[in-house]
Amino acid sequence: EVVTAYQSVKPTEDLERIRSCLRDRKISVVTFTSSSSVTHFVEMFDPKELVSLMEGVVVASIGPITAKTVQESGMTNHIMPKQYTIPALAQAIADYFKRS
C-alpha cells in the first residue's frame, strides 16, 4: 500500500509576481527542498528568461540530489547544508549571508 505523505505541485498562482520580484531584484535567495521543486520552478520560465532573472540570486538546496538537479537545470547552487534538514538549510543560508 502506498501512502502519499506530501505532493509537490507546480505553482499556478502569483507567477507574474514571482517574475516581477526576481526582475526587480527583490529576491536574494531561492531555496529548493526537492528535485521536483527545482523542476517546477524552472518550468515557470523560458530558459533565457530564467538565466536573466536568476542573475545575482543565491540558490540554496537541501542536499546533493537537489543540488545536482539545480546544476542540471542551468543554475548555480551556492548553498548546501552538511545535514539535509530544513533547520540546517536555514542555518546555512544565515551563515552564507553573514560571510558576504
N, C-alpha and C. Protein backbone atom coordinates (compact mmCIF):
# COMPACT_ATOMS: atom_id res chain seq x y z
N GLU A 1 0.84 -1.18 0.00
CA GLU A 1 0.00 0.00 0.00
C GLU A 1 0.89 1.24 0.00
N VAL A 2 0.55 2.21 -0.83
CA VAL A 2 1.29 3.46 -0.93
C VAL A 2 0.50 4.55 -0.22
N VAL A 3 1.21 5.27 0.65
CA VAL A 3 0.60 6.40 1.35
C VAL A 3 1.33 7.66 0.91
N THR A 4 0.61 8.62 0.41
CA THR A 4 1.21 9.88 -0.03
C THR A 4 1.39 10.79 1.18
N ALA A 5 2.65 11.09 1.50
CA ALA A 5 2.94 11.96 2.64
C ALA A 5 2.84 13.44 2.25
N TYR A 6 3.24 13.73 1.04
CA TYR A 6 3.11 15.10 0.53
C TYR A 6 3.10 15.04 -0.98
N GLN A 7 2.70 16.12 -1.59
CA GLN A 7 2.63 16.19 -3.03
C GLN A 7 3.27 17.50 -3.48
N SER A 8 4.18 17.40 -4.41
CA SER A 8 4.82 18.58 -4.97
C SER A 8 4.09 18.96 -6.25
N VAL A 9 3.58 20.17 -6.29
CA VAL A 9 2.83 20.62 -7.46
C VAL A 9 3.42 21.91 -8.00
N LYS A 10 3.27 22.09 -9.29
CA LYS A 10 3.75 23.30 -9.95
C LYS A 10 2.86 24.47 -9.55
N PRO A 11 3.46 25.59 -9.14
CA PRO A 11 2.66 26.77 -8.77
C PRO A 11 1.85 27.28 -9.95
N THR A 12 0.65 27.71 -9.66
CA THR A 12 -0.20 28.27 -10.72
C THR A 12 -0.64 29.69 -10.39
N GLU A 13 -0.37 30.13 -9.18
CA GLU A 13 -0.77 31.48 -8.77
C GLU A 13 0.47 32.35 -8.58
N ASP A 14 0.29 33.62 -8.72
CA ASP A 14 1.33 34.61 -8.44
C ASP A 14 2.57 34.47 -9.32
N LEU A 15 2.45 33.86 -10.49
CA LEU A 15 3.62 33.70 -11.36
C LEU A 15 4.18 35.05 -11.79
N GLU A 16 3.30 35.97 -12.13
CA GLU A 16 3.78 37.29 -12.55
C GLU A 16 4.43 38.03 -11.38
N ARG A 17 3.90 37.82 -10.19
CA ARG A 17 4.50 38.45 -9.00
C ARG A 17 5.90 37.89 -8.75
N ILE A 18 6.06 36.59 -8.88
CA ILE A 18 7.38 35.97 -8.72
C ILE A 18 8.34 36.51 -9.77
N ARG A 19 7.89 36.54 -11.00
CA ARG A 19 8.71 37.05 -12.10
C ARG A 19 9.11 38.51 -11.83
N SER A 20 8.15 39.31 -11.40
CA SER A 20 8.40 40.73 -11.13
C SER A 20 9.41 40.90 -9.99
N CYS A 21 9.25 40.13 -8.93
CA CYS A 21 10.17 40.23 -7.79
C CYS A 21 11.59 39.83 -8.19
N LEU A 22 11.72 38.80 -9.01
CA LEU A 22 13.04 38.40 -9.49
C LEU A 22 13.62 39.48 -10.40
N ARG A 23 12.81 39.98 -11.31
CA ARG A 23 13.26 41.01 -12.26
C ARG A 23 13.71 42.28 -11.54
N ASP A 24 12.98 42.64 -10.47
CA ASP A 24 13.29 43.85 -9.71
C ASP A 24 14.33 43.63 -8.62
N ARG A 25 14.91 42.43 -8.60
CA ARG A 25 15.97 42.06 -7.64
C ARG A 25 15.50 42.19 -6.19
N LYS A 26 14.25 41.83 -5.94
CA LYS A 26 13.70 41.86 -4.58
C LYS A 26 13.88 40.52 -3.87
N ILE A 27 14.38 39.52 -4.60
CA ILE A 27 14.61 38.20 -4.02
C ILE A 27 16.11 37.96 -3.97
N SER A 28 16.62 37.68 -2.79
CA SER A 28 18.05 37.45 -2.60
C SER A 28 18.42 35.98 -2.71
N VAL A 29 17.52 35.11 -2.27
CA VAL A 29 17.81 33.68 -2.24
C VAL A 29 16.57 32.88 -2.61
N VAL A 30 16.78 31.83 -3.37
CA VAL A 30 15.72 30.88 -3.70
C VAL A 30 16.15 29.54 -3.11
N THR A 31 15.24 28.91 -2.37
CA THR A 31 15.55 27.62 -1.74
C THR A 31 14.80 26.50 -2.44
N PHE A 32 15.46 25.35 -2.49
CA PHE A 32 14.84 24.15 -3.05
C PHE A 32 15.02 23.00 -2.07
N THR A 33 13.93 22.29 -1.82
CA THR A 33 13.97 21.16 -0.89
C THR A 33 13.72 19.83 -1.58
N SER A 34 13.60 19.86 -2.89
CA SER A 34 13.43 18.61 -3.65
C SER A 34 13.74 18.89 -5.12
N SER A 35 14.07 17.83 -5.83
CA SER A 35 14.31 17.97 -7.26
C SER A 35 13.05 18.41 -7.99
N SER A 36 11.90 17.93 -7.53
CA SER A 36 10.65 18.32 -8.20
C SER A 36 10.38 19.81 -8.03
N SER A 37 10.78 20.39 -6.90
CA SER A 37 10.58 21.84 -6.72
C SER A 37 11.47 22.62 -7.68
N VAL A 38 12.67 22.11 -7.96
CA VAL A 38 13.55 22.74 -8.95
C VAL A 38 12.89 22.67 -10.33
N THR A 39 12.44 21.48 -10.69
CA THR A 39 11.81 21.28 -11.99
C THR A 39 10.60 22.18 -12.17
N HIS A 40 9.75 22.25 -11.16
CA HIS A 40 8.56 23.10 -11.25
C HIS A 40 8.95 24.58 -11.38
N PHE A 41 9.96 25.00 -10.65
CA PHE A 41 10.42 26.39 -10.72
C PHE A 41 10.92 26.70 -12.13
N VAL A 42 11.78 25.84 -12.66
CA VAL A 42 12.36 26.06 -13.98
C VAL A 42 11.29 26.09 -15.06
N GLU A 43 10.27 25.25 -14.93
CA GLU A 43 9.20 25.18 -15.92
C GLU A 43 8.34 26.44 -15.97
N MET A 44 8.45 27.29 -14.96
CA MET A 44 7.66 28.53 -14.95
C MET A 44 8.20 29.57 -15.92
N PHE A 45 9.45 29.40 -16.38
CA PHE A 45 10.11 30.44 -17.16
C PHE A 45 10.65 29.89 -18.47
N ASP A 46 10.79 30.78 -19.43
CA ASP A 46 11.54 30.49 -20.64
C ASP A 46 13.01 30.34 -20.22
N PRO A 47 13.76 29.42 -20.81
CA PRO A 47 15.16 29.21 -20.38
C PRO A 47 16.02 30.48 -20.38
N LYS A 48 15.91 31.30 -21.42
CA LYS A 48 16.70 32.54 -21.47
C LYS A 48 16.25 33.51 -20.38
N GLU A 49 14.95 33.56 -20.15
CA GLU A 49 14.42 34.43 -19.10
C GLU A 49 14.93 33.98 -17.73
N LEU A 50 14.97 32.68 -17.51
CA LEU A 50 15.43 32.15 -16.23
C LEU A 50 16.86 32.59 -15.94
N VAL A 51 17.73 32.51 -16.93
CA VAL A 51 19.12 32.93 -16.75
C VAL A 51 19.17 34.39 -16.33
N SER A 52 18.43 35.23 -17.00
CA SER A 52 18.41 36.66 -16.69
C SER A 52 17.82 36.92 -15.31
N LEU A 53 16.69 36.29 -14.99
CA LEU A 53 16.03 36.52 -13.71
C LEU A 53 16.85 36.04 -12.53
N MET A 54 17.61 34.97 -12.72
CA MET A 54 18.36 34.38 -11.60
C MET A 54 19.75 34.99 -11.44
N GLU A 55 20.11 35.92 -12.30
CA GLU A 55 21.42 36.57 -12.18
C GLU A 55 21.50 37.29 -10.84
N GLY A 56 22.50 36.94 -10.04
CA GLY A 56 22.70 37.56 -8.74
C GLY A 56 21.87 36.98 -7.62
N VAL A 57 21.03 35.99 -7.92
CA VAL A 57 20.21 35.35 -6.89
C VAL A 57 20.96 34.13 -6.36
N VAL A 58 21.04 34.02 -5.05
CA VAL A 58 21.68 32.88 -4.40
C VAL A 58 20.71 31.70 -4.42
N VAL A 59 21.22 30.52 -4.74
CA VAL A 59 20.40 29.31 -4.75
C VAL A 59 20.88 28.39 -3.63
N ALA A 60 19.92 27.94 -2.82
CA ALA A 60 20.21 27.04 -1.71
C ALA A 60 19.42 25.75 -1.88
N SER A 61 20.12 24.63 -1.81
CA SER A 61 19.48 23.32 -1.95
C SER A 61 19.67 22.52 -0.68
N ILE A 62 18.69 21.69 -0.36
CA ILE A 62 18.71 20.94 0.89
C ILE A 62 19.74 19.81 0.90
N GLY A 63 20.08 19.29 -0.27
CA GLY A 63 21.02 18.16 -0.31
C GLY A 63 21.59 17.95 -1.70
N PRO A 64 22.45 16.93 -1.84
CA PRO A 64 23.18 16.73 -3.09
C PRO A 64 22.31 16.36 -4.29
N ILE A 65 21.25 15.63 -4.09
CA ILE A 65 20.38 15.26 -5.22
C ILE A 65 19.68 16.50 -5.76
N THR A 66 19.18 17.32 -4.86
CA THR A 66 18.53 18.57 -5.27
C THR A 66 19.54 19.52 -5.90
N ALA A 67 20.74 19.61 -5.33
CA ALA A 67 21.78 20.47 -5.89
C ALA A 67 22.16 20.03 -7.30
N LYS A 68 22.20 18.73 -7.52
CA LYS A 68 22.51 18.21 -8.86
C LYS A 68 21.42 18.63 -9.85
N THR A 69 20.17 18.56 -9.44
CA THR A 69 19.07 18.98 -10.31
C THR A 69 19.16 20.47 -10.61
N VAL A 70 19.55 21.26 -9.61
CA VAL A 70 19.76 22.70 -9.82
C VAL A 70 20.80 22.91 -10.91
N GLN A 71 21.93 22.23 -10.78
CA GLN A 71 23.02 22.40 -11.75
C GLN A 71 22.60 21.91 -13.14
N GLU A 72 21.88 20.80 -13.19
CA GLU A 72 21.42 20.28 -14.48
C GLU A 72 20.41 21.21 -15.15
N SER A 73 19.76 22.05 -14.36
CA SER A 73 18.78 23.00 -14.91
C SER A 73 19.45 24.27 -15.41
N GLY A 74 20.76 24.38 -15.21
CA GLY A 74 21.49 25.55 -15.69
C GLY A 74 21.74 26.62 -14.66
N MET A 75 21.27 26.39 -13.44
CA MET A 75 21.52 27.36 -12.36
C MET A 75 22.74 26.92 -11.57
N THR A 76 23.28 27.83 -10.78
CA THR A 76 24.40 27.54 -9.89
C THR A 76 23.87 27.36 -8.48
N ASN A 77 24.30 26.29 -7.83
CA ASN A 77 23.92 26.07 -6.43
C ASN A 77 25.00 26.69 -5.55
N HIS A 78 24.61 27.58 -4.67
CA HIS A 78 25.57 28.28 -3.81
C HIS A 78 25.65 27.71 -2.40
N ILE A 79 24.55 27.15 -1.93
CA ILE A 79 24.47 26.72 -0.53
C ILE A 79 23.89 25.32 -0.46
N MET A 80 24.55 24.46 0.35
CA MET A 80 24.01 23.15 0.67
C MET A 80 24.49 22.80 2.08
N PRO A 81 23.58 22.55 3.00
CA PRO A 81 23.99 22.25 4.37
C PRO A 81 24.63 20.88 4.49
N LYS A 82 25.39 20.69 5.57
CA LYS A 82 26.02 19.38 5.83
C LYS A 82 24.97 18.34 6.24
N GLN A 83 23.96 18.79 6.97
CA GLN A 83 22.83 17.92 7.31
C GLN A 83 21.68 18.32 6.40
N TYR A 84 20.98 17.35 5.88
CA TYR A 84 19.96 17.62 4.88
C TYR A 84 18.59 17.79 5.52
N THR A 85 18.48 18.87 6.32
CA THR A 85 17.24 19.19 7.02
C THR A 85 16.89 20.66 6.79
N ILE A 86 15.63 21.00 7.01
CA ILE A 86 15.20 22.40 6.86
C ILE A 86 15.93 23.30 7.85
N PRO A 87 16.04 22.93 9.15
CA PRO A 87 16.78 23.80 10.07
C PRO A 87 18.25 24.00 9.64
N ALA A 88 18.88 22.94 9.16
CA ALA A 88 20.28 23.07 8.71
C ALA A 88 20.36 23.95 7.46
N LEU A 89 19.39 23.85 6.58
CA LEU A 89 19.37 24.69 5.39
C LEU A 89 19.21 26.16 5.78
N ALA A 90 18.31 26.43 6.70
CA ALA A 90 18.11 27.81 7.18
C ALA A 90 19.38 28.36 7.81
N GLN A 91 20.07 27.54 8.59
CA GLN A 91 21.31 27.98 9.23
C GLN A 91 22.40 28.22 8.18
N ALA A 92 22.48 27.34 7.19
CA ALA A 92 23.48 27.51 6.13
C ALA A 92 23.24 28.81 5.35
N ILE A 93 21.98 29.15 5.13
CA ILE A 93 21.66 30.41 4.44
C ILE A 93 22.08 31.59 5.31
N ALA A 94 21.76 31.54 6.59
CA ALA A 94 22.14 32.63 7.51
C ALA A 94 23.66 32.77 7.54
N ASP A 95 24.37 31.66 7.62
CA ASP A 95 25.83 31.69 7.65
C ASP A 95 26.39 32.28 6.36
N TYR A 96 25.82 31.92 5.24
CA TYR A 96 26.27 32.43 3.94
C TYR A 96 26.17 33.95 3.89
N PHE A 97 25.04 34.48 4.33
CA PHE A 97 24.85 35.93 4.26
C PHE A 97 25.64 36.67 5.33
N LYS A 98 25.97 36.01 6.43
CA LYS A 98 26.85 36.63 7.44
C LYS A 98 28.24 36.83 6.86
N ARG A 99 28.69 35.87 6.05
CA ARG A 99 30.03 35.93 5.46
C ARG A 99 30.12 36.95 4.33
N SER A 100 29.00 37.22 3.66
CA SER A 100 29.08 38.10 2.49
C SER A 100 28.65 39.51 2.79
